[in-house]
Amino acid sequence: MAKPKIVLIGSRNLGRGDDQIGAVLMTNFLRFLAELEPKPKALILWNTGVKLAADDGERTVEKLQAQEHLRQLQEQGVEILVCQTCLDYFGLRDKVVVGKVSGMKHFVSLLMSDEYEVVSV
C-alpha cells in the first residue's frame, strides 16, 4: 500500500519563469489536490509558499482561488502547515487566513518519518 504523502510548497508560484503562469499553475495544482483522491496527509508551506495562506495585500483572482482551495483541503482533513519563521520574515504572522502556524522541528519530524512520502512542488 502506498504511503500517505506530505507535499512541500516552497513558492507561491508553481515552476520557475513567468510569475503569472506560475500563479495559475499553483491554483490549478491546489484545485486538483482538493478534487482528487487520495488526499495528502499535509501540505507544508514555507519560503514564499506561506504567502498563499496569508493576507499579504495581494488580491489577484489566482491568490483568492488558491486560498479557497487550501480551505477546501483543510476541510477535507488535510493539515495545512505554515512556516512560522517564514511568516515572521515576511511580516505575515498575524495575517494567516488558512492553515496552522508550525515550525521547522515539526516539519523535520514529518519529513524524516518513514510513514510518509515527500513530494516537493
C-alpha atoms as a PDB file:
ATOM      1  CA  MET A   1       0.000   0.000   0.000  1.00  0.00           C
ATOM      2  CA  ALA A   2       1.248   3.482  -0.874  1.00  0.00           C
ATOM      3  CA  LYS A   3       2.412   5.755   1.908  1.00  0.00           C
ATOM      4  CA  PRO A   4       0.465   8.961   2.625  1.00  0.00           C
ATOM      5  CA  LYS A   5       2.088  11.992   1.070  1.00  0.00           C
ATOM      6  CA  ILE A   6       3.432  15.216   2.524  1.00  0.00           C
ATOM      7  CA  VAL A   7       3.510  17.989  -0.111  1.00  0.00           C
ATOM      8  CA  LEU A   8       6.130  20.725   0.244  1.00  0.00           C
ATOM      9  CA  ILE A   9       5.205  24.054  -1.303  1.00  0.00           C
ATOM     10  CA  GLY A  10       8.191  26.391  -1.294  1.00  0.00           C
ATOM     11  CA  SER A  11       6.867  29.135  -3.537  1.00  0.00           C
ATOM     12  CA  ARG A  12       3.643  30.988  -4.147  1.00  0.00           C
ATOM     13  CA  ASN A  13       4.004  30.038  -7.824  1.00  0.00           C
ATOM     14  CA  LEU A  14       4.458  26.643  -9.423  1.00  0.00           C
ATOM     15  CA  GLY A  15       7.583  26.296 -11.519  1.00  0.00           C
ATOM     16  CA  ARG A  16      10.214  28.835 -12.458  1.00  0.00           C
ATOM     17  CA  GLY A  17       9.919  31.565 -15.023  1.00  0.00           C
ATOM     18  CA  ASP A  18       6.871  33.721 -15.543  1.00  0.00           C
ATOM     19  CA  ASP A  19       5.106  34.534 -12.263  1.00  0.00           C
ATOM     20  CA  GLN A  20       1.680  34.969 -13.865  1.00  0.00           C
ATOM     21  CA  ILE A  21       1.557  31.490 -15.356  1.00  0.00           C
ATOM     22  CA  GLY A  22       3.197  30.157 -12.184  1.00  0.00           C
ATOM     23  CA  ALA A  23       0.289  31.563 -10.120  1.00  0.00           C
ATOM     24  CA  VAL A  24      -2.240  29.958 -12.481  1.00  0.00           C
ATOM     25  CA  LEU A  25      -0.419  26.628 -12.286  1.00  0.00           C
ATOM     26  CA  MET A  26      -0.333  26.730  -8.461  1.00  0.00           C
ATOM     27  CA  THR A  27      -4.058  27.475  -8.319  1.00  0.00           C
ATOM     28  CA  ASN A  28      -4.777  24.556 -10.645  1.00  0.00           C
ATOM     29  CA  PHE A  29      -2.482  22.268  -8.656  1.00  0.00           C
ATOM     30  CA  LEU A  30      -4.306  23.062  -5.409  1.00  0.00           C
ATOM     31  CA  ARG A  31      -7.707  22.696  -7.072  1.00  0.00           C
ATOM     32  CA  PHE A  32      -6.895  19.226  -8.372  1.00  0.00           C
ATOM     33  CA  LEU A  33      -5.459  18.195  -4.993  1.00  0.00           C
ATOM     34  CA  ALA A  34      -8.837  19.113  -3.488  1.00  0.00           C
ATOM     35  CA  GLU A  35     -10.759  17.217  -6.191  1.00  0.00           C
ATOM     36  CA  LEU A  36      -8.729  14.021  -6.425  1.00  0.00           C
ATOM     37  CA  GLU A  37      -8.160  11.059  -4.110  1.00  0.00           C
ATOM     38  CA  PRO A  38      -6.191  10.140  -2.190  1.00  0.00           C
ATOM     39  CA  LYS A  39      -5.544  13.373  -0.359  1.00  0.00           C
ATOM     40  CA  PRO A  40      -2.119  14.140   1.051  1.00  0.00           C
ATOM     41  CA  LYS A  41      -1.648  13.946   4.820  1.00  0.00           C
ATOM     42  CA  ALA A  42      -0.356  17.511   4.916  1.00  0.00           C
ATOM     43  CA  LEU A  43       0.866  20.481   2.931  1.00  0.00           C
ATOM     44  CA  ILE A  44       3.903  22.309   4.288  1.00  0.00           C
ATOM     45  CA  LEU A  45       4.071  25.911   3.106  1.00  0.00           C
ATOM     46  CA  TRP A  46       7.445  27.561   3.503  1.00  0.00           C
ATOM     47  CA  ASN A  47       9.505  30.343   1.975  1.00  0.00           C
ATOM     48  CA  THR A  48       7.182  32.392  -0.274  1.00  0.00           C
ATOM     49  CA  GLY A  49       4.714  29.499  -0.210  1.00  0.00           C
ATOM     50  CA  VAL A  50       3.425  30.942   3.091  1.00  0.00           C
ATOM     51  CA  LYS A  51       2.015  33.875   1.122  1.00  0.00           C
ATOM     52  CA  LEU A  52      -0.638  31.515  -0.241  1.00  0.00           C
ATOM     53  CA  ALA A  53      -2.068  31.131   3.276  1.00  0.00           C
ATOM     54  CA  ALA A  54      -1.779  34.760   4.389  1.00  0.00           C
ATOM     55  CA  ASP A  55      -3.364  38.090   3.571  1.00  0.00           C
ATOM     56  CA  ASP A  56      -0.355  39.984   2.226  1.00  0.00           C
ATOM     57  CA  GLY A  57      -2.452  42.553   0.366  1.00  0.00           C
ATOM     58  CA  GLU A  58      -2.367  40.689  -2.950  1.00  0.00           C
ATOM     59  CA  ARG A  59      -5.915  40.392  -4.280  1.00  0.00           C
ATOM     60  CA  THR A  60      -5.460  38.571  -7.572  1.00  0.00           C
ATOM     61  CA  VAL A  61      -8.025  36.039  -8.729  1.00  0.00           C
ATOM     62  CA  GLU A  62      -5.382  33.307  -8.567  1.00  0.00           C
ATOM     63  CA  LYS A  63      -4.412  34.155  -4.971  1.00  0.00           C
ATOM     64  CA  LEU A  64      -8.019  34.182  -3.757  1.00  0.00           C
ATOM     65  CA  GLN A  65      -8.746  30.919  -5.566  1.00  0.00           C
ATOM     66  CA  ALA A  66      -5.611  29.321  -4.108  1.00  0.00           C
ATOM     67  CA  GLN A  67      -6.759  30.267  -0.604  1.00  0.00           C
ATOM     68  CA  GLU A  68     -10.191  28.801  -1.278  1.00  0.00           C
ATOM     69  CA  HIS A  69      -8.629  25.527  -2.460  1.00  0.00           C
ATOM     70  CA  LEU A  70      -6.449  25.456   0.674  1.00  0.00           C
ATOM     71  CA  ARG A  71      -9.596  25.915   2.793  1.00  0.00           C
ATOM     72  CA  GLN A  72     -11.281  23.048   0.939  1.00  0.00           C
ATOM     73  CA  LEU A  73      -8.281  20.800   1.533  1.00  0.00           C
ATOM     74  CA  GLN A  74      -8.273  21.724   5.212  1.00  0.00           C
ATOM     75  CA  GLU A  75     -11.992  20.927   5.470  1.00  0.00           C
ATOM     76  CA  GLN A  76     -11.254  17.566   3.834  1.00  0.00           C
ATOM     77  CA  GLY A  77      -8.816  16.726   6.624  1.00  0.00           C
ATOM     78  CA  VAL A  78      -5.513  17.793   5.055  1.00  0.00           C
ATOM     79  CA  GLU A  79      -3.219  19.572   7.511  1.00  0.00           C
ATOM     80  CA  ILE A  80      -2.107  22.937   6.126  1.00  0.00           C
ATOM     81  CA  LEU A  81       1.120  23.748   7.979  1.00  0.00           C
ATOM     82  CA  VAL A  82       2.523  27.257   7.566  1.00  0.00           C
ATOM     83  CA  CYS A  83       6.145  28.059   8.455  1.00  0.00           C
ATOM     84  CA  GLN A  84       6.379  30.371  11.462  1.00  0.00           C
ATOM     85  CA  THR A  85       9.905  31.588  10.618  1.00  0.00           C
ATOM     86  CA  CYS A  86       8.820  32.461   7.076  1.00  0.00           C
ATOM     87  CA  LEU A  87       5.702  34.272   8.265  1.00  0.00           C
ATOM     88  CA  ASP A  88       7.817  36.305  10.694  1.00  0.00           C
ATOM     89  CA  TYR A  89      10.333  37.102   7.952  1.00  0.00           C
ATOM     90  CA  PHE A  90       7.614  38.443   5.641  1.00  0.00           C
ATOM     91  CA  GLY A  91       5.723  40.200   8.459  1.00  0.00           C
ATOM     92  CA  LEU A  92       2.677  37.965   7.974  1.00  0.00           C
ATOM     93  CA  ARG A  93       2.461  36.136  11.319  1.00  0.00           C
ATOM     94  CA  ASP A  94      -0.847  37.778  12.264  1.00  0.00           C
ATOM     95  CA  LYS A  95      -2.289  37.575   8.749  1.00  0.00           C
ATOM     96  CA  VAL A  96      -2.747  33.821   8.263  1.00  0.00           C
ATOM     97  CA  VAL A  97      -6.204  33.143   6.801  1.00  0.00           C
ATOM     98  CA  VAL A  98      -5.948  29.374   6.357  1.00  0.00           C
ATOM     99  CA  GLY A  99      -3.830  26.686   7.961  1.00  0.00           C
ATOM    100  CA  LYS A 100      -1.919  26.274  11.187  1.00  0.00           C
ATOM    101  CA  VAL A 101       1.334  28.016  12.065  1.00  0.00           C
ATOM    102  CA  SER A 102       4.033  25.453  12.702  1.00  0.00           C
ATOM    103  CA  GLY A 103       7.793  25.240  12.972  1.00  0.00           C
ATOM    104  CA  MET A 104      10.815  23.580  11.473  1.00  0.00           C
ATOM    105  CA  LYS A 105      11.090  20.968  14.243  1.00  0.00           C
ATOM    106  CA  HIS A 106       7.629  19.636  13.326  1.00  0.00           C
ATOM    107  CA  PHE A 107       8.442  19.806   9.604  1.00  0.00           C
ATOM    108  CA  VAL A 108      11.667  17.850  10.043  1.00  0.00           C
ATOM    109  CA  SER A 109       9.924  15.170  12.105  1.00  0.00           C
ATOM    110  CA  LEU A 110       7.312  14.718   9.360  1.00  0.00           C
ATOM    111  CA  LEU A 111       9.838  14.774   6.516  1.00  0.00           C
ATOM    112  CA  MET A 112      12.179  12.289   8.189  1.00  0.00           C
ATOM    113  CA  SER A 113       9.427   9.867   9.172  1.00  0.00           C
ATOM    114  CA  ASP A 114       9.263   6.552   7.377  1.00  0.00           C
ATOM    115  CA  GLU A 115       5.457   6.883   7.440  1.00  0.00           C
ATOM    116  CA  TYR A 116       5.240   9.421   4.596  1.00  0.00           C
ATOM    117  CA  GLU A 117       6.371  10.001   1.070  1.00  0.00           C
ATOM    118  CA  VAL A 118       7.522  13.584   0.462  1.00  0.00           C
ATOM    119  CA  VAL A 119       6.589  15.422  -2.732  1.00  0.00           C
ATOM    120  CA  SER A 120       8.115  18.823  -3.418  1.00  0.00           C
ATOM    121  CA  VAL A 121       6.475  21.250  -5.869  1.00  0.00           C
END
